[in-house]
């Protein structure tokens, strides 16, 4: 939640009536904004690990890095088109 507060997507309120509140309407928060606030790196550690020299030749490593980056591009493009409101019933 701290990442979302720092990104100014939610507000944290302490006390008896405390909790977390959206700082904008769900229609104005894209899933990409949430993704950007929450991620430390594009993919979790170990995902498509192509660093191992025993497993992949350098040319194969380069191709897999390119594929990984392309896949993240697809993900980001899709997240930019959706908002929190799209997830609400």
N, C-alpha and C. Protein backbone atom coordinates (compact mmCIF):
# COMPACT_ATOMS: atom_id res chain seq x y z
N UNK A 1 0.83 -1.19 0.00
CA UNK A 1 0.00 0.00 0.00
C UNK A 1 0.87 1.25 0.00
N UNK A 2 2.05 1.14 0.60
CA UNK A 2 2.94 2.30 0.66
C UNK A 2 3.27 2.82 -0.72
N UNK A 3 3.50 1.91 -1.67
CA UNK A 3 3.83 2.32 -3.03
C UNK A 3 2.68 3.10 -3.67
N UNK A 4 1.46 2.67 -3.39
CA UNK A 4 0.29 3.34 -3.96
C UNK A 4 0.09 4.71 -3.33
N UNK A 5 0.41 4.84 -2.04
CA UNK A 5 0.33 6.14 -1.37
C UNK A 5 1.37 7.09 -1.96
N UNK A 6 2.60 6.60 -2.11
CA UNK A 6 3.68 7.43 -2.67
C UNK A 6 3.36 7.89 -4.09
N UNK A 7 2.67 7.05 -4.85
CA UNK A 7 2.29 7.39 -6.22
C UNK A 7 1.05 8.29 -6.26
N UNK A 8 0.52 8.62 -5.08
CA UNK A 8 -0.67 9.47 -4.96
C UNK A 8 -1.91 8.88 -5.63
N UNK A 9 -1.99 7.55 -5.59
CA UNK A 9 -3.18 6.88 -6.10
C UNK A 9 -4.19 6.65 -4.99
N UNK A 10 -3.67 6.44 -3.78
CA UNK A 10 -4.55 6.27 -2.62
C UNK A 10 -4.06 7.16 -1.49
N UNK A 11 -4.94 7.38 -0.53
CA UNK A 11 -4.61 8.15 0.66
C UNK A 11 -4.82 7.25 1.86
N UNK A 12 -3.89 7.30 2.79
CA UNK A 12 -4.00 6.52 4.02
C UNK A 12 -4.49 7.46 5.13
N UNK A 13 -5.51 7.02 5.84
CA UNK A 13 -6.04 7.82 6.95
C UNK A 13 -6.00 6.96 8.20
N UNK A 14 -5.37 7.49 9.25
CA UNK A 14 -5.27 6.75 10.50
C UNK A 14 -6.45 7.07 11.40
N UNK A 15 -6.61 6.27 12.42
CA UNK A 15 -7.62 6.54 13.42
C UNK A 15 -8.85 5.68 13.29
N UNK A 16 -9.84 6.03 14.09
CA UNK A 16 -11.07 5.25 14.18
C UNK A 16 -11.77 5.08 12.83
N UNK A 17 -11.84 6.14 12.07
CA UNK A 17 -12.47 6.09 10.75
C UNK A 17 -11.43 5.94 9.64
N UNK A 18 -10.29 5.42 10.00
CA UNK A 18 -9.19 5.34 9.05
C UNK A 18 -9.37 4.26 8.00
N UNK A 19 -8.41 4.22 7.13
CA UNK A 19 -8.42 3.25 6.05
C UNK A 19 -7.68 3.81 4.85
N UNK A 20 -7.92 3.22 3.71
CA UNK A 20 -7.31 3.67 2.47
C UNK A 20 -8.41 4.15 1.54
N UNK A 21 -8.14 5.27 0.87
CA UNK A 21 -9.14 5.87 -0.01
C UNK A 21 -8.49 6.24 -1.33
N UNK A 22 -9.21 6.05 -2.42
CA UNK A 22 -8.72 6.45 -3.73
C UNK A 22 -8.62 7.98 -3.78
N UNK A 23 -7.56 8.47 -4.40
CA UNK A 23 -7.39 9.91 -4.52
C UNK A 23 -8.02 10.46 -5.80
N UNK A 24 -8.41 9.57 -6.70
CA UNK A 24 -9.12 9.94 -7.93
C UNK A 24 -10.24 8.93 -8.11
N UNK A 25 -11.13 9.22 -9.01
CA UNK A 25 -12.21 8.26 -9.28
C UNK A 25 -11.61 7.04 -9.98
N UNK A 26 -12.24 5.87 -9.82
CA UNK A 26 -11.72 4.66 -10.47
C UNK A 26 -11.59 4.80 -11.99
N UNK A 27 -12.42 5.63 -12.58
CA UNK A 27 -12.35 5.84 -14.03
C UNK A 27 -11.10 6.60 -14.44
N UNK A 28 -10.47 7.29 -13.49
CA UNK A 28 -9.30 8.12 -13.79
C UNK A 28 -7.98 7.48 -13.38
N UNK A 29 -8.01 6.24 -12.90
CA UNK A 29 -6.79 5.54 -12.51
C UNK A 29 -6.61 4.35 -13.45
N UNK A 30 -5.57 4.41 -14.27
CA UNK A 30 -5.33 3.30 -15.18
C UNK A 30 -4.61 2.17 -14.45
N UNK A 31 -4.77 0.98 -14.96
CA UNK A 31 -4.07 -0.16 -14.39
C UNK A 31 -2.56 -0.01 -14.57
N UNK A 32 -2.16 0.72 -15.61
CA UNK A 32 -0.74 1.00 -15.81
C UNK A 32 -0.18 1.82 -14.65
N UNK A 33 -0.95 2.80 -14.16
CA UNK A 33 -0.49 3.60 -13.02
C UNK A 33 -0.26 2.72 -11.79
N UNK A 34 -1.15 1.78 -11.57
CA UNK A 34 -1.00 0.86 -10.44
C UNK A 34 0.22 -0.03 -10.66
N UNK A 35 0.37 -0.55 -11.87
CA UNK A 35 1.51 -1.39 -12.22
C UNK A 35 2.82 -0.64 -11.99
N UNK A 36 2.90 0.59 -12.47
CA UNK A 36 4.10 1.40 -12.31
C UNK A 36 4.41 1.65 -10.83
N UNK A 37 3.39 1.91 -10.04
CA UNK A 37 3.59 2.18 -8.61
C UNK A 37 4.07 0.94 -7.87
N UNK A 38 3.64 -0.22 -8.29
CA UNK A 38 3.91 -1.46 -7.56
C UNK A 38 5.18 -2.17 -8.00
N UNK A 39 5.64 -1.93 -9.18
CA UNK A 39 6.76 -2.73 -9.68
C UNK A 39 8.11 -2.16 -9.28
N UNK A 40 9.01 -3.04 -9.01
CA UNK A 40 10.39 -2.68 -8.74
C UNK A 40 11.24 -2.96 -9.98
N UNK A 41 10.81 -3.90 -10.76
CA UNK A 41 11.46 -4.26 -12.02
C UNK A 41 10.38 -4.84 -12.92
N UNK A 42 10.61 -4.88 -14.23
CA UNK A 42 9.54 -5.31 -15.14
C UNK A 42 8.96 -6.69 -14.86
N UNK A 43 9.81 -7.63 -14.48
CA UNK A 43 9.34 -8.99 -14.23
C UNK A 43 9.88 -9.46 -12.89
N UNK A 44 9.17 -10.37 -12.23
CA UNK A 44 9.69 -10.89 -10.98
C UNK A 44 11.02 -11.61 -11.19
N UNK A 45 11.81 -11.65 -10.15
CA UNK A 45 13.11 -12.34 -10.25
C UNK A 45 12.92 -13.78 -10.72
N UNK A 46 13.81 -14.19 -11.60
CA UNK A 46 13.76 -15.56 -12.08
C UNK A 46 12.88 -15.76 -13.31
N UNK A 47 12.04 -14.77 -13.61
CA UNK A 47 11.16 -14.91 -14.78
C UNK A 47 12.01 -14.80 -16.03
N UNK A 48 11.94 -15.80 -16.86
CA UNK A 48 12.71 -15.84 -18.10
C UNK A 48 14.17 -15.48 -17.85
N UNK A 49 14.78 -16.17 -16.89
CA UNK A 49 16.17 -15.92 -16.54
C UNK A 49 17.05 -16.43 -17.66
N UNK A 50 17.62 -15.52 -18.41
CA UNK A 50 18.46 -15.91 -19.55
C UNK A 50 19.93 -15.59 -19.29
N UNK A 51 20.27 -15.32 -18.05
CA UNK A 51 21.65 -14.98 -17.71
C UNK A 51 22.57 -16.20 -17.69
N UNK A 52 22.01 -17.37 -17.47
CA UNK A 52 22.81 -18.58 -17.32
C UNK A 52 23.56 -18.92 -18.60
N UNK A 53 24.89 -18.90 -18.52
CA UNK A 53 25.71 -19.20 -19.70
C UNK A 53 25.67 -20.68 -20.06
N UNK A 54 25.33 -21.52 -19.07
CA UNK A 54 25.26 -22.95 -19.35
C UNK A 54 24.06 -23.30 -20.23
N UNK A 55 23.02 -22.48 -20.14
CA UNK A 55 21.77 -22.83 -20.82
C UNK A 55 21.63 -22.20 -22.20
N UNK A 56 22.17 -20.99 -22.38
CA UNK A 56 21.89 -20.27 -23.62
C UNK A 56 23.16 -19.68 -24.22
N UNK A 57 23.25 -19.77 -25.54
CA UNK A 57 24.33 -19.10 -26.25
C UNK A 57 24.04 -17.59 -26.24
N UNK A 58 25.07 -16.74 -26.38
CA UNK A 58 24.86 -15.29 -26.34
C UNK A 58 23.78 -14.80 -27.32
N UNK A 59 23.74 -15.35 -28.51
CA UNK A 59 22.73 -14.90 -29.48
C UNK A 59 21.32 -15.26 -29.01
N UNK A 60 21.19 -16.42 -28.38
CA UNK A 60 19.90 -16.84 -27.85
C UNK A 60 19.51 -15.96 -26.67
N UNK A 61 20.47 -15.62 -25.81
CA UNK A 61 20.21 -14.73 -24.69
C UNK A 61 19.67 -13.39 -25.20
N UNK A 62 20.31 -12.83 -26.22
CA UNK A 62 19.86 -11.54 -26.77
C UNK A 62 18.43 -11.64 -27.31
N UNK A 63 18.14 -12.73 -28.00
CA UNK A 63 16.80 -12.91 -28.56
C UNK A 63 15.76 -13.02 -27.44
N UNK A 64 16.09 -13.73 -26.37
CA UNK A 64 15.15 -13.88 -25.26
C UNK A 64 14.97 -12.58 -24.48
N UNK A 65 16.03 -11.80 -24.33
CA UNK A 65 15.89 -10.48 -23.71
C UNK A 65 14.95 -9.62 -24.53
N UNK A 66 15.12 -9.66 -25.85
CA UNK A 66 14.25 -8.89 -26.73
C UNK A 66 12.79 -9.32 -26.62
N UNK A 67 12.58 -10.61 -26.56
CA UNK A 67 11.22 -11.14 -26.42
C UNK A 67 10.61 -10.71 -25.09
N UNK A 68 11.39 -10.80 -24.02
CA UNK A 68 10.90 -10.38 -22.71
C UNK A 68 10.49 -8.91 -22.72
N UNK A 69 11.32 -8.06 -23.31
CA UNK A 69 11.01 -6.63 -23.38
C UNK A 69 9.78 -6.37 -24.24
N UNK A 70 9.64 -7.12 -25.33
CA UNK A 70 8.48 -6.97 -26.20
C UNK A 70 7.20 -7.38 -25.46
N UNK A 71 7.29 -8.46 -24.68
CA UNK A 71 6.13 -8.91 -23.91
C UNK A 71 5.72 -7.86 -22.89
N UNK A 72 6.68 -7.21 -22.25
CA UNK A 72 6.33 -6.16 -21.30
C UNK A 72 5.66 -5.00 -22.02
N UNK A 73 6.11 -4.70 -23.22
CA UNK A 73 5.47 -3.65 -24.01
C UNK A 73 4.00 -3.96 -24.27
N UNK A 74 3.70 -5.20 -24.59
CA UNK A 74 2.30 -5.61 -24.80
C UNK A 74 1.49 -5.43 -23.52
N UNK A 75 2.09 -5.85 -22.41
CA UNK A 75 1.42 -5.74 -21.11
C UNK A 75 1.11 -4.28 -20.79
N UNK A 76 2.10 -3.43 -20.94
CA UNK A 76 1.92 -2.01 -20.64
C UNK A 76 0.86 -1.38 -21.54
N UNK A 77 0.88 -1.70 -22.81
CA UNK A 77 -0.11 -1.15 -23.73
C UNK A 77 -1.53 -1.53 -23.30
N UNK A 78 -1.71 -2.77 -22.89
CA UNK A 78 -3.03 -3.22 -22.43
C UNK A 78 -3.45 -2.55 -21.13
N UNK A 79 -2.50 -2.39 -20.20
CA UNK A 79 -2.82 -1.77 -18.91
C UNK A 79 -3.19 -0.30 -19.06
N UNK A 80 -2.61 0.37 -20.05
CA UNK A 80 -2.92 1.78 -20.27
C UNK A 80 -4.34 1.98 -20.78
N UNK A 81 -4.93 0.94 -21.32
CA UNK A 81 -6.30 1.03 -21.86
C UNK A 81 -7.38 0.70 -20.84
N UNK A 82 -7.00 0.20 -19.68
CA UNK A 82 -7.96 -0.21 -18.66
C UNK A 82 -7.83 0.67 -17.43
N UNK A 83 -8.96 0.86 -16.74
CA UNK A 83 -8.96 1.62 -15.49
C UNK A 83 -9.45 0.73 -14.36
N UNK A 84 -9.34 1.23 -13.15
CA UNK A 84 -9.89 0.48 -12.01
C UNK A 84 -11.39 0.25 -12.18
N UNK A 85 -12.07 1.20 -12.77
CA UNK A 85 -13.51 1.06 -12.97
C UNK A 85 -13.83 -0.17 -13.82
N UNK A 86 -12.95 -0.52 -14.73
CA UNK A 86 -13.17 -1.71 -15.58
C UNK A 86 -13.18 -2.99 -14.76
N UNK A 87 -12.60 -2.97 -13.59
CA UNK A 87 -12.53 -4.16 -12.74
C UNK A 87 -13.69 -4.26 -11.76
N UNK A 88 -14.42 -3.16 -11.59
CA UNK A 88 -15.51 -3.13 -10.61
C UNK A 88 -16.75 -3.79 -11.18
N UNK A 89 -17.50 -4.50 -10.31
CA UNK A 89 -18.73 -5.16 -10.80
C UNK A 89 -19.81 -4.15 -11.16
